[in-house]
C-alpha atoms as a PDB file:
ATOM      1  CA  MET A   1     -19.092   4.233  10.157  1.00  0.00           C
ATOM      2  CA  ASN A   2     -16.329   5.241  12.552  1.00  0.00           C
ATOM      3  CA  LYS A   3     -13.740   7.687  11.128  1.00  0.00           C
ATOM      4  CA  GLY A   4     -10.917   5.618  12.609  1.00  0.00           C
ATOM      5  CA  ILE A   5     -12.127   2.493  10.803  1.00  0.00           C
ATOM      6  CA  ILE A   6     -12.334   4.413   7.531  1.00  0.00           C
ATOM      7  CA  GLY A   7      -8.742   5.587   8.044  1.00  0.00           C
ATOM      8  CA  ILE A   8      -7.599   2.020   8.706  1.00  0.00           C
ATOM      9  CA  ILE A   9      -9.346   0.779   5.540  1.00  0.00           C
ATOM     10  CA  ILE A  10      -7.830   3.570   3.423  1.00  0.00           C
ATOM     11  CA  THR A  11      -4.365   2.836   4.858  1.00  0.00           C
ATOM     12  CA  ALA A  12      -4.792  -0.885   4.170  1.00  0.00           C
ATOM     13  CA  VAL A  13      -5.857  -0.239   0.567  1.00  0.00           C
ATOM     14  CA  GLY A  14      -2.873   2.070   0.020  1.00  0.00           C
ATOM     15  CA  THR A  15      -0.524  -0.494   1.547  1.00  0.00           C
ATOM     16  CA  LEU A  16      -1.898  -3.263  -0.657  1.00  0.00           C
ATOM     17  CA  MET A  17      -1.460  -1.025  -3.695  1.00  0.00           C
ATOM     18  CA  LEU A  18       2.154  -0.244  -2.730  1.00  0.00           C
ATOM     19  CA  ALA A  19       3.354  -3.759  -1.836  1.00  0.00           C
ATOM     20  CA  GLN A  20       5.101  -5.662  -4.607  1.00  0.00           C
ATOM     21  CA  ASP A  21       4.439  -9.292  -5.402  1.00  0.00           C
ATOM     22  CA  TYR A  22       7.130 -11.880  -6.115  1.00  0.00           C
ATOM     23  CA  LEU A  23       7.422 -10.610  -9.720  1.00  0.00           C
ATOM     24  CA  GLN A  24       8.288  -7.114  -8.417  1.00  0.00           C
ATOM     25  CA  HIS A  25       5.009  -5.580  -9.604  1.00  0.00           C
ATOM     26  CA  SER A  26       2.666  -3.686  -7.320  1.00  0.00           C
ATOM     27  CA  MET A  27      -1.110  -3.895  -7.402  1.00  0.00           C
ATOM     28  CA  ALA A  28      -1.151  -0.220  -8.319  1.00  0.00           C
ATOM     29  CA  SER A  29       0.923  -0.895 -11.437  1.00  0.00           C
ATOM     30  CA  TYR A  30      -1.464  -3.723 -12.408  1.00  0.00           C
ATOM     31  CA  LEU A  31      -4.376  -1.324 -11.857  1.00  0.00           C
ATOM     32  CA  PHE A  32      -2.765   1.412 -13.953  1.00  0.00           C
ATOM     33  CA  ASN A  33      -2.066  -1.084 -16.778  1.00  0.00           C
ATOM     34  CA  TRP A  34      -5.633  -2.382 -16.612  1.00  0.00           C
ATOM     35  CA  LEU A  35      -7.036   1.155 -16.815  1.00  0.00           C
ATOM     36  CA  GLY A  36      -4.690   2.035 -19.690  1.00  0.00           C
ATOM     37  CA  ILE A  37      -2.929   4.801 -17.767  1.00  0.00           C
ATOM     38  CA  PRO A  38       0.832   5.072 -18.393  1.00  0.00           C
ATOM     39  CA  GLU A  39       2.900   4.213 -15.315  1.00  0.00           C
ATOM     40  CA  TRP A  40       5.672   6.683 -16.016  1.00  0.00           C
ATOM     41  CA  SER A  41       5.235  10.407 -16.561  1.00  0.00           C
ATOM     42  CA  ALA A  42       7.751  10.689 -19.439  1.00  0.00           C
ATOM     43  CA  GLY A  43       7.919   7.480 -21.422  1.00  0.00           C
ATOM     44  CA  ASN A  44      10.113   5.073 -19.438  1.00  0.00           C
ATOM     45  CA  GLN A  45      11.400   7.626 -16.933  1.00  0.00           C
ATOM     46  CA  GLY A  46      10.187  10.469 -14.753  1.00  0.00           C
ATOM     47  CA  PHE A  47       7.608  10.071 -12.003  1.00  0.00           C
ATOM     48  CA  TYR A  48       6.232   6.591 -11.293  1.00  0.00           C
ATOM     49  CA  TRP A  49       2.531   7.343 -10.833  1.00  0.00           C
ATOM     50  CA  PRO A  50       1.486   4.091  -9.058  1.00  0.00           C
ATOM     51  CA  VAL A  51       3.872   4.732  -6.165  1.00  0.00           C
ATOM     52  CA  ILE A  52       2.874   8.375  -5.886  1.00  0.00           C
ATOM     53  CA  ALA A  53      -0.825   7.432  -5.816  1.00  0.00           C
ATOM     54  CA  SER A  54      -0.236   4.680  -3.244  1.00  0.00           C
ATOM     55  CA  VAL A  55       1.798   6.911  -0.940  1.00  0.00           C
ATOM     56  CA  LEU A  56      -0.831   9.660  -1.109  1.00  0.00           C
ATOM     57  CA  ILE A  57      -3.561   7.146  -0.222  1.00  0.00           C
ATOM     58  CA  ILE A  58      -1.472   5.846   2.703  1.00  0.00           C
ATOM     59  CA  ILE A  59      -0.855   9.390   3.970  1.00  0.00           C
ATOM     60  CA  ALA A  60      -4.573  10.202   3.771  1.00  0.00           C
ATOM     61  CA  GLY A  61      -5.415   7.063   5.712  1.00  0.00           C
ATOM     62  CA  LEU A  62      -2.720   7.656   8.329  1.00  0.00           C
ATOM     63  CA  VAL A  63      -3.978  11.188   8.924  1.00  0.00           C
ATOM     64  CA  GLY A  64      -7.426   9.789   9.693  1.00  0.00           C
ATOM     65  CA  VAL A  65      -6.054   7.027  11.915  1.00  0.00           C
ATOM     66  CA  VAL A  66      -3.778   9.358  13.884  1.00  0.00           C
ATOM     67  CA  ARG A  67      -6.469  12.009  14.368  1.00  0.00           C
ATOM     68  CA  HIS A  68      -8.936   9.473  15.692  1.00  0.00           C
ATOM     69  CA  TYR A  69      -6.752   7.153  17.790  1.00  0.00           C
ATOM     70  CA  GLU A  70      -3.878   9.361  19.003  1.00  0.00           C
ATOM     71  CA  SER A  71      -5.660  10.422  22.194  1.00  0.00           C
ATOM     72  CA  ARG A  72      -6.045   6.791  23.309  1.00  0.00           C
ATOM     73  CA  TYR A  73      -2.897   5.354  21.694  1.00  0.00           C
ATOM     74  CA  PRO A  74      -0.104   7.968  21.603  1.00  0.00           C
ATOM     75  CA  ARG A  75       2.224   5.776  19.511  1.00  0.00           C
ATOM     76  CA  VAL A  76      -0.323   4.836  16.855  1.00  0.00           C
ATOM     77  CA  LEU A  77       1.689   6.495  14.067  1.00  0.00           C
ATOM     78  CA  ALA A  78       4.872   4.584  14.894  1.00  0.00           C
ATOM     79  CA  GLY A  79       2.988   1.294  15.085  1.00  0.00           C
ATOM     80  CA  SER A  80       1.167   1.964  11.831  1.00  0.00           C
ATOM     81  CA  LEU A  81       4.362   2.822   9.974  1.00  0.00           C
ATOM     82  CA  LEU A  82       6.094  -0.261  11.377  1.00  0.00           C
ATOM     83  CA  GLY A  83       3.177  -2.421  10.240  1.00  0.00           C
ATOM     84  CA  ILE A  84       3.229  -0.891   6.745  1.00  0.00           C
ATOM     85  CA  PHE A  85       6.976  -1.478   6.380  1.00  0.00           C
ATOM     86  CA  ALA A  86       6.708  -5.052   7.701  1.00  0.00           C
ATOM     87  CA  PHE A  87       3.844  -5.858   5.326  1.00  0.00           C
ATOM     88  CA  CYS A  88       5.594  -4.368   2.281  1.00  0.00           C
ATOM     89  CA  TYR A  89       8.784  -6.270   3.143  1.00  0.00           C
ATOM     90  CA  SER A  90       7.131  -9.654   3.718  1.00  0.00           C
ATOM     91  CA  PHE A  91       4.502  -9.557   0.939  1.00  0.00           C
ATOM     92  CA  PRO A  92       6.849 -10.700  -1.903  1.00  0.00           C
ATOM     93  CA  TYR A  93       7.972 -13.728   0.117  1.00  0.00           C
ATOM     94  CA  VAL A  94       4.430 -14.660   1.039  1.00  0.00           C
ATOM     95  CA  THR A  95       3.176 -14.405  -2.546  1.00  0.00           C
ATOM     96  CA  LYS A  96       6.125 -16.482  -3.792  1.00  0.00           C
ATOM     97  CA  GLU A  97       5.340 -19.244  -1.286  1.00  0.00           C
ATOM     98  CA  ILE A  98       1.634 -19.168  -2.134  1.00  0.00           C
ATOM     99  CA  VAL A  99       2.388 -19.545  -5.829  1.00  0.00           C
ATOM    100  CA  SER A 100       4.851 -22.389  -5.188  1.00  0.00           C
ATOM    101  CA  ILE A 101       2.277 -24.224  -3.052  1.00  0.00           C
ATOM    102  CA  PHE A 102      -0.527 -23.946  -5.605  1.00  0.00           C
ATOM    103  CA  SER A 103       1.537 -24.616  -8.750  1.00  0.00           C
ATOM    104  CA  PHE A 104       1.543 -28.341  -9.362  1.00  0.00           C
END
């Protein structure tokens, strides 16, 4: 498989883990709860592990994307970051509308 495609998939997974739904919970926090891992490093404060894990996954994916596509597309990093921010901003609104459509 192409290294650029792997970077795009890793970035997409990290972005999906970081984006919050309409209840202000991220998929990473649901995953941490499901696995039984505490979300916070010190009780109800400290480091929030789901965000740290998501950001590290996004950075790893972006490194792969930029290394592979930067020679052909010099502004690939700016476009990728803009897409990540747009997705994370619009995802709560989209999930709220989907739930309102399917709740009878």
